[in-house]
Amino acid sequence: MSKDKLTALDVYASCVCLGVQRAARGVARRYDEALRPAGLTSGQFTILSSLLRDEPTPIGSLAELLGLDRTTLNRNLRPLESENLVETVPDPEDARVRRICLTSVGRKRLEAAIPLWRKVQAESNGRIGKTGWRELRPLLDHLS
């Protein structure tokens, strides 16, 4: 790659952002397809599975965990709330804080999706090899 002239091939071969986005879109498509029988997208599965806790989770903490801004998370929560998969509850100590939790309907939907997720998870791990995820995960965390 020349310092003066940049080509599309140079960007394709060297751009971290393009490479990560391209991989993320491909992975999300595979997970979306696998989770479709449970009526969930990969993003919805991620949100629901992150709520597998004993206590309702503050929206801000959930947004941080998922790497989303609060506005995007709220937009993604609306369809889950309308399907009664999650519910918003007030924080017992601070009325300004909203917490989110799975409903019993949400838990059942998630339980139906988990075997589908395990299967596509195994396929994904097979694509990157036995140690691939253990090596890749910290690198992705470092990028984020």
Protein backbone atom coordinates (compact mmCIF):
# COMPACT_ATOMS: atom_id res chain seq x y z
CA MET A 1 0.00 0.00 0.00
CA SER A 2 1.42 3.33 -1.07
CA LYS A 3 1.34 6.23 1.39
CA ASP A 4 0.09 8.56 -1.35
CA LYS A 5 -2.49 6.47 -3.16
CA LEU A 6 -5.15 4.40 -1.43
CA THR A 7 -7.15 1.81 -3.34
CA ALA A 8 -10.26 -0.14 -2.46
CA LEU A 9 -8.13 -3.27 -2.29
CA ASP A 10 -5.78 -1.56 0.19
CA VAL A 11 -8.73 -0.70 2.44
CA TYR A 12 -10.23 -4.19 2.13
CA ALA A 13 -6.90 -5.80 3.03
CA SER A 14 -5.94 -3.50 5.90
CA CYS A 15 -8.95 -1.76 7.45
CA VAL A 16 -9.67 -3.13 10.94
CA CYS A 17 -13.10 -1.50 11.01
CA LEU A 18 -14.17 -3.01 7.68
CA GLY A 19 -12.85 -6.44 8.64
CA VAL A 20 -14.59 -6.48 12.02
CA GLN A 21 -17.86 -5.11 10.59
CA ARG A 22 -17.84 -7.62 7.73
CA ALA A 23 -17.23 -10.50 10.14
CA ALA A 24 -19.88 -9.19 12.55
CA ARG A 25 -22.51 -8.98 9.81
CA GLY A 26 -21.75 -12.54 8.65
CA VAL A 27 -21.85 -13.93 12.17
CA ALA A 28 -25.08 -12.05 12.97
CA ARG A 29 -26.73 -13.43 9.81
CA ARG A 30 -25.86 -17.01 10.83
CA TYR A 31 -27.13 -16.50 14.38
CA ASP A 32 -30.29 -14.74 13.13
CA GLU A 33 -31.05 -17.68 10.85
CA ALA A 34 -30.39 -20.21 13.62
CA LEU A 35 -32.56 -18.36 16.16
CA ARG A 36 -35.45 -17.66 13.77
CA PRO A 37 -37.44 -20.78 14.85
CA ALA A 38 -37.52 -19.34 18.39
CA GLY A 39 -38.78 -16.01 17.06
CA LEU A 40 -35.66 -14.08 18.06
CA THR A 41 -32.89 -12.21 16.32
CA SER A 42 -29.31 -12.49 17.48
CA GLY A 43 -29.56 -9.04 19.05
CA GLN A 44 -32.71 -9.96 20.93
CA PHE A 45 -31.13 -13.19 22.15
CA THR A 46 -28.14 -11.21 23.39
CA ILE A 47 -30.35 -8.81 25.33
CA LEU A 48 -32.50 -11.55 26.82
CA SER A 49 -29.55 -13.73 27.77
CA SER A 50 -27.83 -10.79 29.45
CA LEU A 51 -30.88 -10.58 31.73
CA LEU A 52 -30.40 -14.10 33.09
CA ARG A 53 -29.82 -12.77 36.60
CA ASP A 54 -31.47 -12.90 39.98
CA GLU A 55 -32.10 -9.15 40.12
CA PRO A 56 -33.46 -6.65 37.58
CA THR A 57 -30.62 -4.86 35.77
CA PRO A 58 -30.31 -1.07 35.54
CA ILE A 59 -30.74 0.07 31.93
CA GLY A 60 -27.42 1.95 32.04
CA SER A 61 -25.50 -1.12 33.20
CA LEU A 62 -27.14 -3.26 30.53
CA ALA A 63 -26.30 -0.71 27.82
CA GLU A 64 -22.67 -0.66 28.94
CA LEU A 65 -22.44 -4.45 29.01
CA LEU A 66 -23.86 -4.69 25.48
CA GLY A 67 -21.77 -1.82 24.11
CA LEU A 68 -24.88 0.18 23.20
CA ASP A 69 -25.94 3.70 23.99
CA ARG A 70 -29.07 3.97 26.11
CA THR A 71 -31.19 5.29 23.23
CA THR A 72 -30.33 2.31 21.03
CA LEU A 73 -30.94 -0.12 23.87
CA ASN A 74 -34.33 1.46 24.63
CA ARG A 75 -35.29 1.20 20.95
CA ASN A 76 -34.30 -2.49 20.97
CA LEU A 77 -36.19 -3.13 24.21
CA ARG A 78 -39.53 -1.80 22.89
CA PRO A 79 -40.41 -4.85 20.75
CA LEU A 80 -39.33 -7.16 23.58
CA GLU A 81 -41.58 -5.27 25.98
CA SER A 82 -44.50 -5.34 23.54
CA GLU A 83 -44.13 -9.14 23.29
CA ASN A 84 -44.03 -9.31 27.12
CA LEU A 85 -40.53 -10.83 27.07
CA VAL A 86 -39.06 -8.14 29.34
CA GLU A 87 -40.49 -5.60 31.72
CA THR A 88 -39.28 -2.37 33.24
CA VAL A 89 -39.39 -2.05 37.00
CA PRO A 90 -38.50 0.90 39.21
CA ASP A 91 -35.32 0.85 41.24
CA PRO A 92 -36.29 0.44 44.91
CA GLU A 93 -33.65 2.96 46.02
CA ASP A 94 -33.74 5.55 43.20
CA ALA A 95 -36.95 6.32 41.30
CA ARG A 96 -34.93 7.89 38.45
CA VAL A 97 -33.30 4.54 37.64
CA ARG A 98 -35.15 2.08 35.43
CA ARG A 99 -34.36 -1.60 35.73
CA ILE A 100 -35.16 -4.31 33.22
CA CYS A 101 -35.86 -7.99 33.80
CA LEU A 102 -37.06 -11.07 31.98
CA THR A 103 -40.70 -12.02 32.30
CA SER A 104 -41.77 -15.65 32.57
CA VAL A 105 -42.70 -15.48 28.88
CA GLY A 106 -39.22 -14.13 28.13
CA ARG A 107 -37.56 -16.94 30.09
CA LYS A 108 -39.57 -19.55 28.16
CA ARG A 109 -38.69 -17.96 24.82
CA LEU A 110 -35.05 -17.83 25.82
CA GLU A 111 -35.11 -21.47 26.98
CA ALA A 112 -36.47 -22.45 23.55
CA ALA A 113 -33.69 -20.49 21.86
CA ILE A 114 -30.78 -21.82 23.92
CA PRO A 115 -30.43 -25.18 22.08
CA LEU A 116 -30.49 -23.29 18.76
CA TRP A 117 -27.85 -20.90 20.07
CA ARG A 118 -25.68 -23.78 21.31
CA LYS A 119 -25.74 -25.34 17.85
CA VAL A 120 -24.75 -22.18 15.97
CA GLN A 121 -22.24 -21.44 18.73
CA ALA A 122 -20.57 -24.81 18.11
CA GLU A 123 -20.53 -24.11 14.36
CA SER A 124 -18.94 -20.71 14.96
CA ASN A 125 -16.30 -22.19 17.25
CA GLY A 126 -15.60 -24.81 14.58
CA ARG A 127 -14.94 -22.05 12.05
CA ILE A 128 -12.28 -20.41 14.20
CA GLY A 129 -10.71 -23.52 15.70
CA LYS A 130 -10.29 -24.86 19.21
CA THR A 131 -8.29 -21.96 20.61
CA GLY A 132 -9.60 -19.31 18.21
CA TRP A 133 -12.23 -17.80 20.50
CA ARG A 134 -9.93 -17.74 23.54
CA GLU A 135 -7.43 -15.77 21.44
CA LEU A 136 -9.95 -13.60 19.59
CA ARG A 137 -12.12 -12.53 22.54
CA PRO A 138 -9.47 -10.47 24.35
CA LEU A 139 -8.48 -8.81 21.07
CA LEU A 140 -12.07 -7.79 20.41
CA ASP A 141 -12.42 -6.51 23.97
CA HIS A 142 -9.26 -4.47 23.45
CA LEU A 143 -10.69 -2.97 20.26
CA SER A 144 -13.92 -1.99 21.99
